[in-house]
C-alpha atoms as a PDB file:
ATOM      1  CA  MET A   1      24.477 -46.762  19.536  1.00  0.00           C
ATOM      2  CA  LYS A   2      21.772 -45.209  21.725  1.00  0.00           C
ATOM      3  CA  LYS A   3      23.158 -41.725  20.984  1.00  0.00           C
ATOM      4  CA  ILE A   4      23.023 -42.398  17.231  1.00  0.00           C
ATOM      5  CA  LEU A   5      19.421 -43.633  17.482  1.00  0.00           C
ATOM      6  CA  LEU A   6      18.455 -40.569  19.547  1.00  0.00           C
ATOM      7  CA  LEU A   7      20.074 -38.235  17.004  1.00  0.00           C
ATOM      8  CA  PHE A   8      18.326 -40.015  14.128  1.00  0.00           C
ATOM      9  CA  THR A   9      14.972 -39.739  15.958  1.00  0.00           C
ATOM     10  CA  LEU A  10      15.465 -35.990  16.505  1.00  0.00           C
ATOM     11  CA  ILE A  11      16.312 -35.469  12.823  1.00  0.00           C
ATOM     12  CA  ILE A  12      13.175 -37.353  11.728  1.00  0.00           C
ATOM     13  CA  PHE A  13      11.035 -35.398  14.245  1.00  0.00           C
ATOM     14  CA  ASN A  14      12.366 -32.025  13.039  1.00  0.00           C
ATOM     15  CA  PHE A  15      11.895 -33.047   9.409  1.00  0.00           C
ATOM     16  CA  ILE A  16       8.236 -33.983  10.010  1.00  0.00           C
ATOM     17  CA  ASN A  17       7.597 -30.719  11.882  1.00  0.00           C
ATOM     18  CA  GLY A  18       9.244 -28.785   9.072  1.00  0.00           C
ATOM     19  CA  GLN A  19       7.054 -30.515   6.493  1.00  0.00           C
ATOM     20  CA  GLN A  20       3.957 -29.699   8.538  1.00  0.00           C
ATOM     21  CA  GLY A  21       5.066 -26.057   8.711  1.00  0.00           C
ATOM     22  CA  LEU A  22       5.497 -25.964   4.944  1.00  0.00           C
ATOM     23  CA  GLN A  23       2.039 -27.465   4.452  1.00  0.00           C
ATOM     24  CA  THR A  24       0.583 -24.748   6.714  1.00  0.00           C
ATOM     25  CA  LEU A  25       2.336 -22.039   4.695  1.00  0.00           C
ATOM     26  CA  GLY A  26       0.996 -23.471   1.474  1.00  0.00           C
ATOM     27  CA  GLY A  27      -2.437 -23.925   3.024  1.00  0.00           C
ATOM     28  CA  ASN A  28      -2.720 -20.279   4.067  1.00  0.00           C
ATOM     29  CA  ALA A  29      -1.598 -19.085   0.653  1.00  0.00           C
ATOM     30  CA  GLN A  30      -4.097 -21.420  -0.999  1.00  0.00           C
ATOM     31  CA  ILE A  31      -6.889 -20.156   1.283  1.00  0.00           C
ATOM     32  CA  ALA A  32      -6.056 -16.567   0.324  1.00  0.00           C
ATOM     33  CA  LEU A  33      -6.038 -17.361  -3.397  1.00  0.00           C
ATOM     34  CA  THR A  34      -9.263 -19.367  -3.172  1.00  0.00           C
ATOM     35  CA  ASP A  35     -11.354 -17.300  -0.753  1.00  0.00           C
ATOM     36  CA  PHE A  36     -10.153 -13.742  -1.328  1.00  0.00           C
ATOM     37  CA  ALA A  37      -9.417 -13.559  -5.071  1.00  0.00           C
ATOM     38  CA  ASN A  38     -11.493 -12.502  -8.063  1.00  0.00           C
ATOM     39  CA  LYS A  39     -10.469 -13.071 -11.660  1.00  0.00           C
ATOM     40  CA  ARG A  40      -9.739  -9.941 -13.673  1.00  0.00           C
ATOM     41  CA  THR A  41     -11.753  -9.656 -16.863  1.00  0.00           C
ATOM     42  CA  SER A  42     -10.078  -6.586 -18.384  1.00  0.00           C
ATOM     43  CA  SER A  43      -7.411  -6.876 -21.081  1.00  0.00           C
ATOM     44  CA  PRO A  44      -3.682  -6.332 -20.434  1.00  0.00           C
ATOM     45  CA  PRO A  45      -2.236  -2.846 -21.102  1.00  0.00           C
ATOM     46  CA  PRO A  46      -0.862  -1.964 -24.561  1.00  0.00           C
ATOM     47  CA  LEU A  47       2.857  -2.571 -24.994  1.00  0.00           C
ATOM     48  CA  ASN A  48       3.716   0.817 -26.496  1.00  0.00           C
ATOM     49  CA  ILE A  49       3.102   2.809 -23.278  1.00  0.00           C
ATOM     50  CA  GLN A  50       6.187   4.200 -21.552  1.00  0.00           C
ATOM     51  CA  GLY A  51       6.584   3.450 -17.852  1.00  0.00           C
ATOM     52  CA  SER A  52       4.795   0.963 -15.614  1.00  0.00           C
ATOM     53  CA  GLN A  53       1.504   0.525 -13.782  1.00  0.00           C
ATOM     54  CA  TYR A  54       3.503  -0.506 -10.695  1.00  0.00           C
ATOM     55  CA  PHE A  55       5.787   1.176  -8.189  1.00  0.00           C
ATOM     56  CA  GLU A  56       7.078  -2.312  -7.308  1.00  0.00           C
ATOM     57  CA  LEU A  57       7.085  -4.902 -10.117  1.00  0.00           C
ATOM     58  CA  ASP A  58       7.864  -7.931  -7.945  1.00  0.00           C
ATOM     59  CA  PHE A  59       5.286  -9.986  -6.088  1.00  0.00           C
ATOM     60  CA  ASN A  60       6.205  -9.829  -2.395  1.00  0.00           C
ATOM     61  CA  LYS A  61       5.317 -12.017   0.562  1.00  0.00           C
ATOM     62  CA  SER A  62       2.120 -10.777   2.156  1.00  0.00           C
ATOM     63  CA  GLU A  63      -0.205 -11.083   5.114  1.00  0.00           C
ATOM     64  CA  LEU A  64      -3.953 -10.552   5.354  1.00  0.00           C
ATOM     65  CA  ASP A  65      -6.112  -9.197   8.144  1.00  0.00           C
ATOM     66  CA  TYR A  66      -9.638 -10.545   7.718  1.00  0.00           C
ATOM     67  CA  PHE A  67     -12.152  -8.959  10.122  1.00  0.00           C
ATOM     68  CA  GLY A  68      -9.211  -8.386  12.482  1.00  0.00           C
ATOM     69  CA  ARG A  69      -7.916 -11.963  12.206  1.00  0.00           C
ATOM     70  CA  ARG A  70      -4.359 -12.263  10.902  1.00  0.00           C
ATOM     71  CA  ILE A  71      -3.673 -14.807   8.147  1.00  0.00           C
ATOM     72  CA  GLU A  72       0.098 -15.195   8.021  1.00  0.00           C
ATOM     73  CA  ASP A  73       1.961 -16.006   4.799  1.00  0.00           C
ATOM     74  CA  SER A  74      -0.970 -15.325   2.491  1.00  0.00           C
ATOM     75  CA  GLY A  75       0.937 -15.926  -0.722  1.00  0.00           C
ATOM     76  CA  TYR A  76       2.464 -13.132  -2.776  1.00  0.00           C
ATOM     77  CA  MET A  77       0.969  -9.808  -3.794  1.00  0.00           C
ATOM     78  CA  ARG A  78       1.750  -6.517  -5.515  1.00  0.00           C
ATOM     79  CA  TYR A  79      -0.156  -3.253  -5.914  1.00  0.00           C
ATOM     80  CA  ASN A  80      -1.293  -2.127  -9.358  1.00  0.00           C
ATOM     81  CA  ALA A  81      -1.216   1.644  -8.863  1.00  0.00           C
ATOM     82  CA  PHE A  82      -2.964   2.387 -12.169  1.00  0.00           C
ATOM     83  CA  ARG A  83      -5.945   0.082 -11.643  1.00  0.00           C
ATOM     84  CA  ASP A  84      -5.962   0.477  -7.839  1.00  0.00           C
ATOM     85  CA  GLU A  85      -5.916  -3.306  -7.421  1.00  0.00           C
ATOM     86  CA  ILE A  86      -3.963  -5.838  -5.374  1.00  0.00           C
ATOM     87  CA  GLU A  87      -2.741  -8.638  -7.633  1.00  0.00           C
ATOM     88  CA  MET A  88      -2.167 -12.098  -6.136  1.00  0.00           C
ATOM     89  CA  ALA A  89       0.252 -14.899  -7.013  1.00  0.00           C
ATOM     90  CA  ASP A  90       1.300 -18.213  -5.517  1.00  0.00           C
ATOM     91  CA  THR A  91       5.012 -17.664  -6.269  1.00  0.00           C
ATOM     92  CA  PRO A  92       7.219 -14.537  -6.272  1.00  0.00           C
ATOM     93  CA  TYR A  93       8.471 -15.373  -9.773  1.00  0.00           C
ATOM     94  CA  GLN A  94       5.320 -14.584 -11.753  1.00  0.00           C
ATOM     95  CA  SER A  95       5.476 -11.639 -14.143  1.00  0.00           C
ATOM     96  CA  SER A  96       1.697 -11.208 -14.327  1.00  0.00           C
ATOM     97  CA  SER A  97      -1.520 -12.347 -12.659  1.00  0.00           C
ATOM     98  CA  ASP A  98      -5.233 -12.063 -13.355  1.00  0.00           C
ATOM     99  CA  LEU A  99      -6.158 -12.854  -9.728  1.00  0.00           C
ATOM    100  CA  ILE A 100      -7.256  -9.753  -7.822  1.00  0.00           C
ATOM    101  CA  LEU A 101      -7.786  -9.434  -4.059  1.00  0.00           C
ATOM    102  CA  ILE A 102     -11.409  -8.662  -3.239  1.00  0.00           C
ATOM    103  CA  LYS A 103     -11.919  -5.027  -2.277  1.00  0.00           C
ATOM    104  CA  SER A 104     -13.274  -4.652   1.245  1.00  0.00           C
ATOM    105  CA  LYS A 105     -12.474  -2.568   4.308  1.00  0.00           C
ATOM    106  CA  ASP A 106     -12.383  -5.866   6.231  1.00  0.00           C
ATOM    107  CA  VAL A 107      -9.762  -7.484   3.972  1.00  0.00           C
ATOM    108  CA  VAL A 108      -6.504  -5.652   4.658  1.00  0.00           C
ATOM    109  CA  PRO A 109      -3.269  -6.794   2.985  1.00  0.00           C
ATOM    110  CA  THR A 110       0.214  -5.929   4.203  1.00  0.00           C
ATOM    111  CA  ILE A 111       2.747  -6.113   1.378  1.00  0.00           C
ATOM    112  CA  ASN A 112       6.440  -5.632   2.031  1.00  0.00           C
ATOM    113  CA  GLY A 113       5.591  -3.732   5.222  1.00  0.00           C
ATOM    114  CA  ASP A 114       2.956  -1.469   3.622  1.00  0.00           C
ATOM    115  CA  ARG A 115      -0.570  -1.812   5.023  1.00  0.00           C
ATOM    116  CA  PHE A 116      -3.208  -1.176   2.328  1.00  0.00           C
ATOM    117  CA  GLU A 117      -6.634  -0.167   3.649  1.00  0.00           C
ATOM    118  CA  TYR A 118      -9.655   0.091   1.338  1.00  0.00           C
ATOM    119  CA  LEU A 119     -11.339   3.264   2.560  1.00  0.00           C
ATOM    120  CA  PRO A 120     -13.352   6.296   1.449  1.00  0.00           C
ATOM    121  CA  TYR A 121     -11.466   9.570   1.105  1.00  0.00           C
ATOM    122  CA  ARG A 122     -12.394  13.025  -0.118  1.00  0.00           C
ATOM    123  CA  ILE A 123     -11.002  14.105  -3.497  1.00  0.00           C
ATOM    124  CA  ASN A 124     -12.674  17.530  -3.131  1.00  0.00           C
ATOM    125  CA  LYS A 125     -15.358  19.213  -1.008  1.00  0.00           C
ATOM    126  CA  GLU A 126     -18.233  17.562  -2.862  1.00  0.00           C
ATOM    127  CA  ASN A 127     -16.910  14.149  -3.921  1.00  0.00           C
ATOM    128  CA  THR A 128     -15.650  11.066  -2.116  1.00  0.00           C
ATOM    129  CA  LYS A 129     -13.764   8.147  -3.624  1.00  0.00           C
ATOM    130  CA  VAL A 130     -13.141   4.643  -2.268  1.00  0.00           C
ATOM    131  CA  GLY A 131      -9.724   3.134  -2.841  1.00  0.00           C
ATOM    132  CA  TYR A 132      -6.508   1.823  -1.335  1.00  0.00           C
ATOM    133  CA  LEU A 133      -4.641   4.042   1.111  1.00  0.00           C
ATOM    134  CA  ILE A 134      -1.326   3.071   2.706  1.00  0.00           C
ATOM    135  CA  LYS A 135      -1.295   3.812   6.422  1.00  0.00           C
ATOM    136  CA  ILE A 136       1.824   5.749   7.444  1.00  0.00           C
ATOM    137  CA  TYR A 137       0.830   6.978  10.921  1.00  0.00           C
ATOM    138  CA  GLU A 138      -1.796   6.159  13.548  1.00  0.00           C
ATOM    139  CA  GLY A 139      -2.201   8.185  16.729  1.00  0.00           C
ATOM    140  CA  THR A 140      -4.971   8.759  19.241  1.00  0.00           C
ATOM    141  CA  LYS A 141      -6.793  11.337  17.113  1.00  0.00           C
ATOM    142  CA  TYR A 142      -5.071  11.438  13.744  1.00  0.00           C
ATOM    143  CA  ILE A 143      -4.369   8.777  11.125  1.00  0.00           C
ATOM    144  CA  ALA A 144      -2.278   9.587   8.059  1.00  0.00           C
ATOM    145  CA  TYR A 145      -2.312   7.741   4.751  1.00  0.00           C
ATOM    146  CA  ILE A 146      -0.575   8.034   1.426  1.00  0.00           C
ATOM    147  CA  ASN A 147      -2.314   7.303  -1.863  1.00  0.00           C
ATOM    148  CA  LYS A 148       0.179   6.187  -4.511  1.00  0.00           C
ATOM    149  CA  SER A 149      -1.207   6.055  -8.025  1.00  0.00           C
ATOM    150  CA  LYS A 150      -0.152   5.989 -11.651  1.00  0.00           C
ATOM    151  CA  LYS A 151      -1.879   8.313 -14.096  1.00  0.00           C
ATOM    152  CA  PHE A 152      -2.089   7.664 -17.846  1.00  0.00           C
ATOM    153  CA  MET A 153      -0.971  10.528 -20.072  1.00  0.00           C
ATOM    154  CA  GLU A 154      -1.875  10.570 -23.751  1.00  0.00           C
ATOM    155  CA  ALA A 155       0.811  10.978 -26.390  1.00  0.00           C
ATOM    156  CA  LYS A 156       1.669  14.558 -27.261  1.00  0.00           C
ATOM    157  CA  ILE A 157       2.845  15.472 -30.735  1.00  0.00           C
ATOM    158  CA  ALA A 158       4.959  18.595 -31.064  1.00  0.00           C
ATOM    159  CA  ARG A 159       3.253  21.187 -33.254  1.00  0.00           C
ATOM    160  CA  THR A 160       6.316  23.399 -33.601  1.00  0.00           C
ATOM    161  CA  SER A 161      10.083  23.053 -33.223  1.00  0.00           C
ATOM    162  CA  LEU A 162       9.801  24.813 -29.848  1.00  0.00           C
ATOM    163  CA  GLU A 163       7.662  22.018 -28.373  1.00  0.00           C
ATOM    164  CA  ASN A 164       8.585  18.485 -27.336  1.00  0.00           C
ATOM    165  CA  SER A 165       6.799  15.286 -28.262  1.00  0.00           C
ATOM    166  CA  PHE A 166       5.934  12.725 -25.593  1.00  0.00           C
ATOM    167  CA  PRO A 167       4.863   9.088 -26.011  1.00  0.00           C
ATOM    168  CA  PRO A 168       1.832   7.707 -24.141  1.00  0.00           C
ATOM    169  CA  ARG A 169       3.046   7.075 -20.602  1.00  0.00           C
ATOM    170  CA  TYR A 170       2.292   6.364 -16.949  1.00  0.00           C
ATOM    171  CA  VAL A 171       3.301   9.079 -14.488  1.00  0.00           C
ATOM    172  CA  ASP A 172       3.631   8.876 -10.691  1.00  0.00           C
ATOM    173  CA  ASP A 173       1.151  10.643  -8.439  1.00  0.00           C
ATOM    174  CA  SER A 174       1.185  10.575  -4.621  1.00  0.00           C
ATOM    175  CA  LYS A 175      -1.099  12.377  -2.183  1.00  0.00           C
ATOM    176  CA  ILE A 176      -1.364  12.452   1.607  1.00  0.00           C
ATOM    177  CA  TYR A 177      -4.680  12.073   3.440  1.00  0.00           C
ATOM    178  CA  ILE A 178      -5.536  12.547   7.096  1.00  0.00           C
ATOM    179  CA  SER A 179      -8.451  11.136   9.068  1.00  0.00           C
ATOM    180  CA  ILE A 180      -9.391  13.214  12.119  1.00  0.00           C
ATOM    181  CA  SER A 181     -11.260  11.471  14.954  1.00  0.00           C
ATOM    182  CA  GLY A 182     -12.300   8.613  12.655  1.00  0.00           C
ATOM    183  CA  ASN A 183     -13.871  10.828   9.980  1.00  0.00           C
ATOM    184  CA  THR A 184     -13.423  10.398   6.223  1.00  0.00           C
ATOM    185  CA  ALA A 185      -9.832  11.147   5.255  1.00  0.00           C
ATOM    186  CA  ILE A 186      -9.130  14.485   3.582  1.00  0.00           C
ATOM    187  CA  GLU A 187      -6.153  15.527   1.484  1.00  0.00           C
ATOM    188  CA  ILE A 188      -3.401  17.634   2.957  1.00  0.00           C
ATOM    189  CA  LYS A 189      -0.390  18.985   1.129  1.00  0.00           C
ATOM    190  CA  ASN A 190       2.962  18.517   2.824  1.00  0.00           C
ATOM    191  CA  SER A 191       3.523  22.222   3.476  1.00  0.00           C
ATOM    192  CA  LYS A 192       3.454  24.608   6.428  1.00  0.00           C
ATOM    193  CA  LYS A 193       0.633  26.618   4.841  1.00  0.00           C
ATOM    194  CA  SER A 194      -1.593  23.529   4.436  1.00  0.00           C
ATOM    195  CA  VAL A 195      -0.884  22.274   7.951  1.00  0.00           C
ATOM    196  CA  LEU A 196      -1.723  25.603   9.601  1.00  0.00           C
ATOM    197  CA  LYS A 197      -4.862  25.929   7.467  1.00  0.00           C
ATOM    198  CA  LEU A 198      -6.133  22.457   8.424  1.00  0.00           C
ATOM    199  CA  PHE A 199      -5.277  22.523  12.127  1.00  0.00           C
ATOM    200  CA  GLY A 200      -5.873  26.194  12.753  1.00  0.00           C
ATOM    201  CA  ASN A 201      -3.270  28.882  13.117  1.00  0.00           C
ATOM    202  CA  GLN A 202      -2.299  27.654  16.605  1.00  0.00           C
ATOM    203  CA  VAL A 203       0.468  29.549  18.371  1.00  0.00           C
ATOM    204  CA  ASN A 204       1.914  26.393  19.973  1.00  0.00           C
ATOM    205  CA  LEU A 205       1.922  24.579  16.612  1.00  0.00           C
ATOM    206  CA  LYS A 206       3.732  27.455  14.906  1.00  0.00           C
ATOM    207  CA  LYS A 207       6.287  27.509  17.722  1.00  0.00           C
ATOM    208  CA  PHE A 208       6.833  23.755  17.392  1.00  0.00           C
ATOM    209  CA  ILE A 209       7.370  23.978  13.624  1.00  0.00           C
ATOM    210  CA  LYS A 210       9.831  26.830  14.085  1.00  0.00           C
ATOM    211  CA  SER A 211      11.755  25.369  17.032  1.00  0.00           C
ATOM    212  CA  GLU A 212      12.071  21.937  15.390  1.00  0.00           C
ATOM    213  CA  LYS A 213      13.000  23.509  12.036  1.00  0.00           C
ATOM    214  CA  ILE A 214      10.480  21.374  10.201  1.00  0.00           C
ATOM    215  CA  ARG A 215      10.899  21.853   6.456  1.00  0.00           C
ATOM    216  CA  PHE A 216       7.997  19.687   5.207  1.00  0.00           C
ATOM    217  CA  ASP A 217      10.302  18.065   2.672  1.00  0.00           C
ATOM    218  CA  SER A 218       9.183  14.500   3.468  1.00  0.00           C
ATOM    219  CA  THR A 219       6.246  12.587   4.937  1.00  0.00           C
ATOM    220  CA  GLU A 220       8.269  12.202   8.143  1.00  0.00           C
ATOM    221  CA  SER A 221       8.000  15.985   8.656  1.00  0.00           C
ATOM    222  CA  LEU A 222       4.213  15.760   8.640  1.00  0.00           C
ATOM    223  CA  ILE A 223       4.249  12.725  10.929  1.00  0.00           C
ATOM    224  CA  ARG A 224       6.307  14.686  13.478  1.00  0.00           C
ATOM    225  CA  VAL A 225       3.622  17.391  13.471  1.00  0.00           C
ATOM    226  CA  LEU A 226       0.848  14.817  13.949  1.00  0.00           C
ATOM    227  CA  LYS A 227       2.707  13.236  16.870  1.00  0.00           C
ATOM    228  CA  PHE A 228       2.997  16.680  18.464  1.00  0.00           C
ATOM    229  CA  LEU A 229      -0.725  17.368  17.981  1.00  0.00           C
ATOM    230  CA  ASP A 230      -1.649  13.932  19.346  1.00  0.00           C
ATOM    231  CA  ASN A 231       0.155  14.594  22.654  1.00  0.00           C
END
């Protein structure tokens, strides 16, 4: 009888703790939705456009870093790559949301393992833009990011039988940026020519690229070079 009572007590204790854990999860998500969300005022996209504004349609479980403080289980989020916005939801089953995460360098979401940082970066020698960059590498001197966006292309009507018509559509666009010694990130193309131009035509770097047979056919190739330069 005592064993049965002890087992029953343990079950009740674990159930109460589990309920408290669930309340904490819900509380953090509610805090994120209440304190870090703005309501979008723009209209939804037209339905006749081919493609999507998203690389990932689903809302995924997320975390927030707020001034360096981690807020676990901050609800569900997804990145709108056309609007450069983080959309927020309280369940993963929503198909749309008009709640947008506030844009700040001190509010950093991690969605499905991707850390989105709201930072300035150079789009050319004269102009700088502020937007979301996904951190893909951080070393002692170099930090690498990828900017994933969707561009809108107008419809194209064929003028002759030799041309093709295209509907209005969203097209993928990805660029890599590198911050050197904490400075504003600059674009770098994933090629040997770009790497040698940015980092100088160093003999040891050229030897490393040759000996390691780096093809620059993926972001991992560039990360290997940055790790070498950081040593």
